[in-house]
């Protein structure tokens, strides 16, 4: 019998951006995003970051879903493509499994 961890066996908690890592990411974006953009980013990911218990933090899936939405809805936010790339770079090292 082949057991795959993707099926739920031996499942482990996925890597998440914690509050501490969020502060580091935010600090790294300080010179790359304007204050209003940093505020918008914080509001955008606040629900994922502040979930309770084992759901607390931003997973890769949540981050990728959020970034996809931002790319598909450019008229609904202030981020430009270079801002989105900077955000992805800032998150990447914290979301490696």
PDB file of N, CA and C in Angstrom:
ATOM      1  N   UNK A   1       0.851  -1.177   0.000  1.00  0.00           N
ATOM      2  CA  UNK A   1       0.000   0.000   0.000  1.00  0.00           C
ATOM      3  C   UNK A   1       0.894   1.237   0.000  1.00  0.00           C
ATOM      4  N   UNK A   2       0.641   2.108  -0.926  1.00  0.00           N
ATOM      5  CA  UNK A   2       1.396   3.347  -1.026  1.00  0.00           C
ATOM      6  C   UNK A   2       0.691   4.423  -0.212  1.00  0.00           C
ATOM      7  N   UNK A   3       1.410   5.059   0.678  1.00  0.00           N
ATOM      8  CA  UNK A   3       0.836   6.109   1.507  1.00  0.00           C
ATOM      9  C   UNK A   3       1.433   7.438   1.061  1.00  0.00           C
ATOM     10  N   UNK A   4       0.570   8.342   0.752  1.00  0.00           N
ATOM     11  CA  UNK A   4       1.007   9.664   0.271  1.00  0.00           C
ATOM     12  C   UNK A   4       0.655  10.705   1.322  1.00  0.00           C
ATOM     13  N   UNK A   5       1.605  11.538   1.657  1.00  0.00           N
ATOM     14  CA  UNK A   5       1.332  12.546   2.683  1.00  0.00           C
ATOM     15  C   UNK A   5       0.322  13.583   2.202  1.00  0.00           C
ATOM     16  N   UNK A   6       0.121  13.691   0.886  1.00  0.00           N
ATOM     17  CA  UNK A   6      -0.866  14.625   0.359  1.00  0.00           C
ATOM     18  C   UNK A   6      -2.289  14.141   0.603  1.00  0.00           C
ATOM     19  N   UNK A   7      -2.445  12.869   0.908  1.00  0.00           N
ATOM     20  CA  UNK A   7      -3.754  12.315   1.169  1.00  0.00           C
ATOM     21  C   UNK A   7      -4.164  12.504   2.626  1.00  0.00           C
ATOM     22  N   UNK A   8      -3.320  13.038   3.428  1.00  0.00           N
ATOM     23  CA  UNK A   8      -3.666  13.253   4.818  1.00  0.00           C
ATOM     24  C   UNK A   8      -2.871  12.409   5.793  1.00  0.00           C
ATOM     25  N   UNK A   9      -2.293  11.305   5.326  1.00  0.00           N
ATOM     26  CA  UNK A   9      -1.463  10.487   6.184  1.00  0.00           C
ATOM     27  C   UNK A   9      -0.171  11.237   6.439  1.00  0.00           C
ATOM     28  N   UNK A  10       0.305  11.196   7.633  1.00  0.00           N
ATOM     29  CA  UNK A  10       1.544  11.855   8.008  1.00  0.00           C
ATOM     30  C   UNK A  10       1.529  13.347   7.659  1.00  0.00           C
ATOM     31  N   UNK A  11       0.348  13.926   7.637  1.00  0.00           N
ATOM     32  CA  UNK A  11       0.279  15.335   7.257  1.00  0.00           C
ATOM     33  C   UNK A  11       0.919  16.195   8.337  1.00  0.00           C
ATOM     34  N   UNK A  12       1.548  17.243   7.896  1.00  0.00           N
ATOM     35  CA  UNK A  12       2.155  18.173   8.832  1.00  0.00           C
ATOM     36  C   UNK A  12       1.645  19.562   8.516  1.00  0.00           C
ATOM     37  N   UNK A  13       1.780  20.412   9.469  1.00  0.00           N
ATOM     38  CA  UNK A  13       1.333  21.785   9.314  1.00  0.00           C
ATOM     39  C   UNK A  13       2.177  22.465   8.236  1.00  0.00           C
ATOM     40  N   UNK A  14       1.541  23.074   7.226  1.00  0.00           N
ATOM     41  CA  UNK A  14       2.325  23.737   6.180  1.00  0.00           C
ATOM     42  C   UNK A  14       3.055  24.960   6.728  1.00  0.00           C
ATOM     43  N   UNK A  15       4.145  25.294   6.094  1.00  0.00           N
ATOM     44  CA  UNK A  15       4.909  26.480   6.487  1.00  0.00           C
ATOM     45  C   UNK A  15       4.014  27.691   6.380  1.00  0.00           C
ATOM     46  N   UNK A  16       4.111  28.560   7.356  1.00  0.00           N
ATOM     47  CA  UNK A  16       3.298  29.774   7.411  1.00  0.00           C
ATOM     48  C   UNK A  16       4.173  30.965   7.747  1.00  0.00           C
ATOM     49  N   UNK A  17       3.767  32.127   7.235  1.00  0.00           N
ATOM     50  CA  UNK A  17       4.399  33.378   7.651  1.00  0.00           C
ATOM     51  C   UNK A  17       3.792  33.739   9.000  1.00  0.00           C
ATOM     52  N   UNK A  18       4.633  33.786  10.020  1.00  0.00           N
ATOM     53  CA  UNK A  18       4.191  34.110  11.370  1.00  0.00           C
ATOM     54  C   UNK A  18       4.174  35.634  11.558  1.00  0.00           C
ATOM     55  N   UNK A  19       3.682  36.071  12.709  1.00  0.00           N
ATOM     56  CA  UNK A  19       3.687  37.505  13.010  1.00  0.00           C
ATOM     57  C   UNK A  19       5.105  38.073  12.992  1.00  0.00           C
ATOM     58  N   UNK A  20       6.048  37.325  13.536  1.00  0.00           N
ATOM     59  CA  UNK A  20       7.443  37.773  13.560  1.00  0.00           C
ATOM     60  C   UNK A  20       7.999  37.893  12.142  1.00  0.00           C
ATOM     61  N   UNK A  21       7.726  36.896  11.311  1.00  0.00           N
ATOM     62  CA  UNK A  21       8.187  36.937   9.920  1.00  0.00           C
ATOM     63  C   UNK A  21       7.486  38.065   9.149  1.00  0.00           C
ATOM     64  N   UNK A  22       6.211  38.293   9.455  1.00  0.00           N
ATOM     65  CA  UNK A  22       5.472  39.388   8.829  1.00  0.00           C
ATOM     66  C   UNK A  22       6.171  40.717   9.086  1.00  0.00           C
ATOM     67  N   UNK A  23       6.604  40.933  10.311  1.00  0.00           N
ATOM     68  CA  UNK A  23       7.312  42.186  10.642  1.00  0.00           C
ATOM     69  C   UNK A  23       8.598  42.310   9.825  1.00  0.00           C
ATOM     70  N   UNK A  24       9.299  41.210   9.632  1.00  0.00           N
ATOM     71  CA  UNK A  24      10.521  41.224   8.818  1.00  0.00           C
ATOM     72  C   UNK A  24      10.195  41.529   7.355  1.00  0.00           C
ATOM     73  N   UNK A  25       9.162  40.893   6.830  1.00  0.00           N
ATOM     74  CA  UNK A  25       8.730  41.144   5.448  1.00  0.00           C
ATOM     75  C   UNK A  25       8.360  42.607   5.288  1.00  0.00           C
ATOM     76  N   UNK A  26       7.577  43.099   6.217  1.00  0.00           N
ATOM     77  CA  UNK A  26       7.130  44.488   6.166  1.00  0.00           C
ATOM     78  C   UNK A  26       8.325  45.436   6.193  1.00  0.00           C
ATOM     79  N   UNK A  27       9.299  45.131   7.014  1.00  0.00           N
ATOM     80  CA  UNK A  27      10.510  45.937   7.101  1.00  0.00           C
ATOM     81  C   UNK A  27      11.265  45.921   5.773  1.00  0.00           C
ATOM     82  N   UNK A  28      11.358  44.751   5.150  1.00  0.00           N
ATOM     83  CA  UNK A  28      12.038  44.624   3.863  1.00  0.00           C
ATOM     84  C   UNK A  28      11.325  45.379   2.750  1.00  0.00           C
ATOM     85  N   UNK A  29      10.026  45.561   2.882  1.00  0.00           N
ATOM     86  CA  UNK A  29       9.259  46.272   1.862  1.00  0.00           C
ATOM     87  C   UNK A  29       9.215  47.774   2.104  1.00  0.00           C
ATOM     88  N   UNK A  30       9.794  48.219   3.211  1.00  0.00           N
ATOM     89  CA  UNK A  30       9.704  49.629   3.592  1.00  0.00           C
ATOM     90  C   UNK A  30      10.173  50.569   2.488  1.00  0.00           C
ATOM     91  N   UNK A  31      11.288  50.307   1.853  1.00  0.00           N
ATOM     92  CA  UNK A  31      11.798  51.181   0.801  1.00  0.00           C
ATOM     93  C   UNK A  31      11.228  50.888  -0.575  1.00  0.00           C
ATOM     94  N   UNK A  32      10.459  49.804  -0.697  1.00  0.00           N
ATOM     95  CA  UNK A  32       9.945  49.395  -2.003  1.00  0.00           C
ATOM     96  C   UNK A  32       8.487  49.774  -2.220  1.00  0.00           C
ATOM     97  N   UNK A  33       7.722  49.888  -1.142  1.00  0.00           N
ATOM     98  CA  UNK A  33       6.314  50.255  -1.226  1.00  0.00           C
ATOM     99  C   UNK A  33       6.076  51.543  -0.455  1.00  0.00           C
ATOM    100  N   UNK A  34       5.166  52.345  -0.957  1.00  0.00           N
ATOM    101  CA  UNK A  34       4.783  53.557  -0.236  1.00  0.00           C
ATOM    102  C   UNK A  34       3.928  53.167   0.961  1.00  0.00           C
ATOM    103  N   UNK A  35       3.776  54.090   1.902  1.00  0.00           N
ATOM    104  CA  UNK A  35       3.034  53.797   3.130  1.00  0.00           C
ATOM    105  C   UNK A  35       1.618  53.306   2.827  1.00  0.00           C
ATOM    106  N   UNK A  36       0.922  53.965   1.925  1.00  0.00           N
ATOM    107  CA  UNK A  36      -0.451  53.556   1.607  1.00  0.00           C
ATOM    108  C   UNK A  36      -0.484  52.142   1.016  1.00  0.00           C
ATOM    109  N   UNK A  37       0.562  51.772   0.272  1.00  0.00           N
ATOM    110  CA  UNK A  37       0.638  50.419  -0.284  1.00  0.00           C
ATOM    111  C   UNK A  37       0.928  49.407   0.814  1.00  0.00           C
ATOM    112  N   UNK A  38       1.807  49.756   1.746  1.00  0.00           N
ATOM    113  CA  UNK A  38       2.079  48.846   2.868  1.00  0.00           C
ATOM    114  C   UNK A  38       0.821  48.663   3.713  1.00  0.00           C
ATOM    115  N   UNK A  39       0.075  49.750   3.916  1.00  0.00           N
ATOM    116  CA  UNK A  39      -1.177  49.663   4.667  1.00  0.00           C
ATOM    117  C   UNK A  39      -2.179  48.761   3.953  1.00  0.00           C
ATOM    118  N   UNK A  40      -2.262  48.902   2.634  1.00  0.00           N
ATOM    119  CA  UNK A  40      -3.174  48.077   1.837  1.00  0.00           C
ATOM    120  C   UNK A  40      -2.770  46.603   1.909  1.00  0.00           C
ATOM    121  N   UNK A  41      -1.476  46.336   1.842  1.00  0.00           N
ATOM    122  CA  UNK A  41      -0.982  44.965   1.937  1.00  0.00           C
ATOM    123  C   UNK A  41      -1.323  44.361   3.293  1.00  0.00           C
ATOM    124  N   UNK A  42      -1.136  45.134   4.334  1.00  0.00           N
ATOM    125  CA  UNK A  42      -1.459  44.656   5.683  1.00  0.00           C
ATOM    126  C   UNK A  42      -2.946  44.333   5.801  1.00  0.00           C
ATOM    127  N   UNK A  43      -3.796  45.183   5.294  1.00  0.00           N
ATOM    128  CA  UNK A  43      -5.238  44.926   5.337  1.00  0.00           C
ATOM    129  C   UNK A  43      -5.597  43.693   4.519  1.00  0.00           C
ATOM    130  N   UNK A  44      -4.933  43.522   3.387  1.00  0.00           N
ATOM    131  CA  UNK A  44      -5.247  42.425   2.473  1.00  0.00           C
ATOM    132  C   UNK A  44      -4.977  41.056   3.106  1.00  0.00           C
ATOM    133  N   UNK A  45      -3.866  40.928   3.826  1.00  0.00           N
ATOM    134  CA  UNK A  45      -3.496  39.633   4.406  1.00  0.00           C
ATOM    135  C   UNK A  45      -3.832  39.510   5.894  1.00  0.00           C
ATOM    136  N   UNK A  46      -4.470  40.514   6.474  1.00  0.00           N
ATOM    137  CA  UNK A  46      -4.745  40.516   7.909  1.00  0.00           C
ATOM    138  C   UNK A  46      -5.540  39.300   8.371  1.00  0.00           C
ATOM    139  N   UNK A  47      -6.572  38.934   7.654  1.00  0.00           N
ATOM    140  CA  UNK A  47      -7.415  37.801   8.083  1.00  0.00           C
ATOM    141  C   UNK A  47      -6.622  36.504   8.142  1.00  0.00           C
ATOM    142  N   UNK A  48      -5.798  36.255   7.133  1.00  0.00           N
ATOM    143  CA  UNK A  48      -4.984  35.032   7.132  1.00  0.00           C
ATOM    144  C   UNK A  48      -3.953  35.057   8.251  1.00  0.00           C
ATOM    145  N   UNK A  49      -3.312  36.175   8.434  1.00  0.00           N
ATOM    146  CA  UNK A  49      -2.272  36.294   9.453  1.00  0.00           C
ATOM    147  C   UNK A  49      -2.832  36.124  10.858  1.00  0.00           C
ATOM    148  N   UNK A  50      -4.032  36.629  11.087  1.00  0.00           N
ATOM    149  CA  UNK A  50      -4.601  36.652  12.437  1.00  0.00           C
ATOM    150  C   UNK A  50      -5.598  35.544  12.732  1.00  0.00           C
ATOM    151  N   UNK A  51      -5.596  34.492  11.928  1.00  0.00           N
ATOM    152  CA  UNK A  51      -6.475  33.362  12.232  1.00  0.00           C
ATOM    153  C   UNK A  51      -6.078  32.767  13.579  1.00  0.00           C
ATOM    154  N   UNK A  52      -7.012  32.083  14.192  1.00  0.00           N
ATOM    155  CA  UNK A  52      -6.789  31.501  15.517  1.00  0.00           C
ATOM    156  C   UNK A  52      -6.102  30.134  15.433  1.00  0.00           C
ATOM    157  N   UNK A  53      -5.386  29.788  16.471  1.00  0.00           N
ATOM    158  CA  UNK A  53      -4.811  28.455  16.649  1.00  0.00           C
ATOM    159  C   UNK A  53      -3.875  28.019  15.547  1.00  0.00           C
ATOM    160  N   UNK A  54      -4.025  26.753  15.121  1.00  0.00           N
ATOM    161  CA  UNK A  54      -3.104  26.201  14.133  1.00  0.00           C
ATOM    162  C   UNK A  54      -3.290  26.831  12.751  1.00  0.00           C
ATOM    163  N   UNK A  55      -4.355  27.565  12.548  1.00  0.00           N
ATOM    164  CA  UNK A  55      -4.587  28.248  11.269  1.00  0.00           C
ATOM    165  C   UNK A  55      -3.879  29.592  11.194  1.00  0.00           C
ATOM    166  N   UNK A  56      -3.308  30.043  12.303  1.00  0.00           N
ATOM    167  CA  UNK A  56      -2.656  31.351  12.361  1.00  0.00           C
ATOM    168  C   UNK A  56      -1.482  31.432  11.397  1.00  0.00           C
ATOM    169  N   UNK A  57      -1.373  32.534  10.697  1.00  0.00           N
ATOM    170  CA  UNK A  57      -0.278  32.742   9.765  1.00  0.00           C
ATOM    171  C   UNK A  57      -0.727  32.608   8.322  1.00  0.00           C
ATOM    172  N   UNK A  58       0.130  32.994   7.410  1.00  0.00           N
ATOM    173  CA  UNK A  58      -0.180  32.989   5.988  1.00  0.00           C
ATOM    174  C   UNK A  58       0.527  31.806   5.328  1.00  0.00           C
ATOM    175  N   UNK A  59      -0.239  30.865   4.793  1.00  0.00           N
ATOM    176  CA  UNK A  59       0.346  29.712   4.107  1.00  0.00           C
ATOM    177  C   UNK A  59       0.692  30.093   2.666  1.00  0.00           C
ATOM    178  N   UNK A  60       1.476  29.235   2.032  1.00  0.00           N
ATOM    179  CA  UNK A  60       1.794  29.455   0.611  1.00  0.00           C
ATOM    180  C   UNK A  60       0.506  29.506  -0.213  1.00  0.00           C
ATOM    181  N   UNK A  61      -0.417  28.600   0.041  1.00  0.00           N
ATOM    182  CA  UNK A  61      -1.678  28.569  -0.722  1.00  0.00           C
ATOM    183  C   UNK A  61      -2.459  29.873  -0.540  1.00  0.00           C
ATOM    184  N   UNK A  62      -2.522  30.367   0.688  1.00  0.00           N
ATOM    185  CA  UNK A  62      -3.221  31.629   0.946  1.00  0.00           C
ATOM    186  C   UNK A  62      -2.508  32.792   0.257  1.00  0.00           C
ATOM    187  N   UNK A  63      -1.181  32.776   0.326  1.00  0.00           N
ATOM    188  CA  UNK A  63      -0.408  33.840  -0.312  1.00  0.00           C
ATOM    189  C   UNK A  63      -0.598  33.810  -1.825  1.00  0.00           C
ATOM    190  N   UNK A  64      -0.468  32.632  -2.428  1.00  0.00           N
ATOM    191  CA  UNK A  64      -0.614  32.523  -3.882  1.00  0.00           C
ATOM    192  C   UNK A  64      -2.016  32.896  -4.335  1.00  0.00           C
ATOM    193  N   UNK A  65      -3.015  32.501  -3.570  1.00  0.00           N
ATOM    194  CA  UNK A  65      -4.389  32.868  -3.887  1.00  0.00           C
ATOM    195  C   UNK A  65      -4.552  34.391  -3.845  1.00  0.00           C
ATOM    196  N   UNK A  66      -3.993  35.006  -2.825  1.00  0.00           N
ATOM    197  CA  UNK A  66      -4.057  36.463  -2.701  1.00  0.00           C
ATOM    198  C   UNK A  66      -3.345  37.166  -3.840  1.00  0.00           C
ATOM    199  N   UNK A  67      -2.166  36.680  -4.202  1.00  0.00           N
ATOM    200  CA  UNK A  67      -1.409  37.292  -5.292  1.00  0.00           C
ATOM    201  C   UNK A  67      -2.132  37.117  -6.629  1.00  0.00           C
ATOM    202  N   UNK A  68      -2.750  35.956  -6.829  1.00  0.00           N
ATOM    203  CA  UNK A  68      -3.532  35.748  -8.051  1.00  0.00           C
ATOM    204  C   UNK A  68      -4.683  36.740  -8.126  1.00  0.00           C
ATOM    205  N   UNK A  69      -5.358  36.944  -7.006  1.00  0.00           N
ATOM    206  CA  UNK A  69      -6.455  37.908  -6.983  1.00  0.00           C
ATOM    207  C   UNK A  69      -5.939  39.306  -7.308  1.00  0.00           C
ATOM    208  N   UNK A  70      -4.824  39.692  -6.703  1.00  0.00           N
ATOM    209  CA  UNK A  70      -4.260  41.020  -6.972  1.00  0.00           C
ATOM    210  C   UNK A  70      -3.925  41.187  -8.452  1.00  0.00           C
ATOM    211  N   UNK A  71      -3.379  40.171  -9.065  1.00  0.00           N
ATOM    212  CA  UNK A  71      -3.015  40.248 -10.493  1.00  0.00           C
ATOM    213  C   UNK A  71      -4.244  40.291 -11.400  1.00  0.00           C
ATOM    214  N   UNK A  72      -5.299  39.634 -10.990  1.00  0.00           N
ATOM    215  CA  UNK A  72      -6.510  39.588 -11.814  1.00  0.00           C
ATOM    216  C   UNK A  72      -7.451  40.765 -11.573  1.00  0.00           C
ATOM    217  N   UNK A  73      -7.193  41.549 -10.550  1.00  0.00           N
ATOM    218  CA  UNK A  73      -8.082  42.647 -10.180  1.00  0.00           C
ATOM    219  C   UNK A  73      -7.310  43.948 -10.005  1.00  0.00           C
ATOM    220  N   UNK A  74      -6.537  44.291 -10.999  1.00  0.00           N
ATOM    221  CA  UNK A  74      -5.650  45.458 -10.892  1.00  0.00           C
ATOM    222  C   UNK A  74      -6.406  46.770 -10.690  1.00  0.00           C
ATOM    223  N   UNK A  75      -7.652  46.844 -11.092  1.00  0.00           N
ATOM    224  CA  UNK A  75      -8.414  48.081 -10.919  1.00  0.00           C
ATOM    225  C   UNK A  75      -8.927  48.264  -9.489  1.00  0.00           C
ATOM    226  N   UNK A  76      -8.762  47.240  -8.648  1.00  0.00           N
ATOM    227  CA  UNK A  76      -9.313  47.282  -7.292  1.00  0.00           C
ATOM    228  C   UNK A  76      -8.267  47.533  -6.214  1.00  0.00           C
ATOM    229  N   UNK A  77      -7.028  47.828  -6.618  1.00  0.00           N
ATOM    230  CA  UNK A  77      -5.973  48.121  -5.652  1.00  0.00           C
ATOM    231  C   UNK A  77      -4.941  49.031  -6.291  1.00  0.00           C
ATOM    232  N   UNK A  78      -3.967  49.448  -5.508  1.00  0.00           N
ATOM    233  CA  UNK A  78      -2.977  50.418  -5.980  1.00  0.00           C
ATOM    234  C   UNK A  78      -1.640  49.814  -6.378  1.00  0.00           C
ATOM    235  N   UNK A  79      -1.484  48.497  -6.289  1.00  0.00           N
ATOM    236  CA  UNK A  79      -0.201  47.875  -6.571  1.00  0.00           C
ATOM    237  C   UNK A  79       0.072  47.814  -8.069  1.00  0.00           C
ATOM    238  N   UNK A  80       1.293  48.118  -8.443  1.00  0.00           N
ATOM    239  CA  UNK A  80       1.748  47.957  -9.819  1.00  0.00           C
ATOM    240  C   UNK A  80       2.495  46.625  -9.899  1.00  0.00           C
ATOM    241  N   UNK A  81       2.816  46.190 -11.106  1.00  0.00           N
ATOM    242  CA  UNK A  81       3.483  44.898 -11.288  1.00  0.00           C
ATOM    243  C   UNK A  81       4.810  44.824 -10.521  1.00  0.00           C
ATOM    244  N   UNK A  82       5.586  45.905 -10.529  1.00  0.00           N
ATOM    245  CA  UNK A  82       6.858  45.887  -9.795  1.00  0.00           C
ATOM    246  C   UNK A  82       6.628  45.774  -8.285  1.00  0.00           C
ATOM    247  N   UNK A  83       5.521  46.323  -7.780  1.00  0.00           N
ATOM    248  CA  UNK A  83       5.176  46.170  -6.360  1.00  0.00           C
ATOM    249  C   UNK A  83       4.854  44.713  -6.055  1.00  0.00           C
ATOM    250  N   UNK A  84       4.091  44.080  -6.937  1.00  0.00           N
ATOM    251  CA  UNK A  84       3.715  42.679  -6.731  1.00  0.00           C
ATOM    252  C   UNK A  84       4.945  41.778  -6.744  1.00  0.00           C
ATOM    253  N   UNK A  85       5.881  42.071  -7.625  1.00  0.00           N
ATOM    254  CA  UNK A  85       7.126  41.289  -7.657  1.00  0.00           C
ATOM    255  C   UNK A  85       7.916  41.469  -6.364  1.00  0.00           C
ATOM    256  N   UNK A  86       7.980  42.685  -5.853  1.00  0.00           N
ATOM    257  CA  UNK A  86       8.689  42.947  -4.596  1.00  0.00           C
ATOM    258  C   UNK A  86       8.022  42.198  -3.439  1.00  0.00           C
ATOM    259  N   UNK A  87       6.703  42.171  -3.432  1.00  0.00           N
ATOM    260  CA  UNK A  87       5.965  41.459  -2.390  1.00  0.00           C
ATOM    261  C   UNK A  87       6.277  39.962  -2.464  1.00  0.00           C
ATOM    262  N   UNK A  88       6.246  39.409  -3.673  1.00  0.00           N
ATOM    263  CA  UNK A  88       6.557  37.984  -3.842  1.00  0.00           C
ATOM    264  C   UNK A  88       7.972  37.664  -3.378  1.00  0.00           C
ATOM    265  N   UNK A  89       8.919  38.482  -3.724  1.00  0.00           N
ATOM    266  CA  UNK A  89      10.302  38.253  -3.300  1.00  0.00           C
ATOM    267  C   UNK A  89      10.433  38.318  -1.785  1.00  0.00           C
ATOM    268  N   UNK A  90       9.747  39.241  -1.160  1.00  0.00           N
ATOM    269  CA  UNK A  90       9.828  39.391   0.290  1.00  0.00           C
ATOM    270  C   UNK A  90       9.233  38.184   1.018  1.00  0.00           C
ATOM    271  N   UNK A  91       8.188  37.590   0.456  1.00  0.00           N
ATOM    272  CA  UNK A  91       7.531  36.447   1.081  1.00  0.00           C
ATOM    273  C   UNK A  91       8.242  35.131   0.811  1.00  0.00           C
ATOM    274  N   UNK A  92       8.914  35.033  -0.333  1.00  0.00           N
ATOM    275  CA  UNK A  92       9.421  33.742  -0.815  1.00  0.00           C
ATOM    276  C   UNK A  92      10.263  32.981   0.201  1.00  0.00           C
ATOM    277  N   UNK A  93      11.229  33.617   0.813  1.00  0.00           N
ATOM    278  CA  UNK A  93      12.108  32.855   1.712  1.00  0.00           C
ATOM    279  C   UNK A  93      11.377  32.360   2.957  1.00  0.00           C
ATOM    280  N   UNK A  94      10.287  33.006   3.305  1.00  0.00           N
ATOM    281  CA  UNK A  94       9.528  32.604   4.493  1.00  0.00           C
ATOM    282  C   UNK A  94       8.530  31.482   4.201  1.00  0.00           C
ATOM    283  N   UNK A  95       8.248  31.251   2.942  1.00  0.00           N
ATOM    284  CA  UNK A  95       7.252  30.225   2.586  1.00  0.00           C
ATOM    285  C   UNK A  95       7.868  28.961   2.012  1.00  0.00           C
ATOM    286  N   UNK A  96       9.186  28.875   1.977  1.00  0.00           N
ATOM    287  CA  UNK A  96       9.818  27.648   1.503  1.00  0.00           C
ATOM    288  C   UNK A  96       9.533  26.519   2.473  1.00  0.00           C
ATOM    289  N   UNK A  97       9.166  25.370   1.918  1.00  0.00           N
ATOM    290  CA  UNK A  97       8.885  24.196   2.783  1.00  0.00           C
ATOM    291  C   UNK A  97      10.147  23.458   3.106  1.00  0.00           C
TER     292      UNK A  97
END
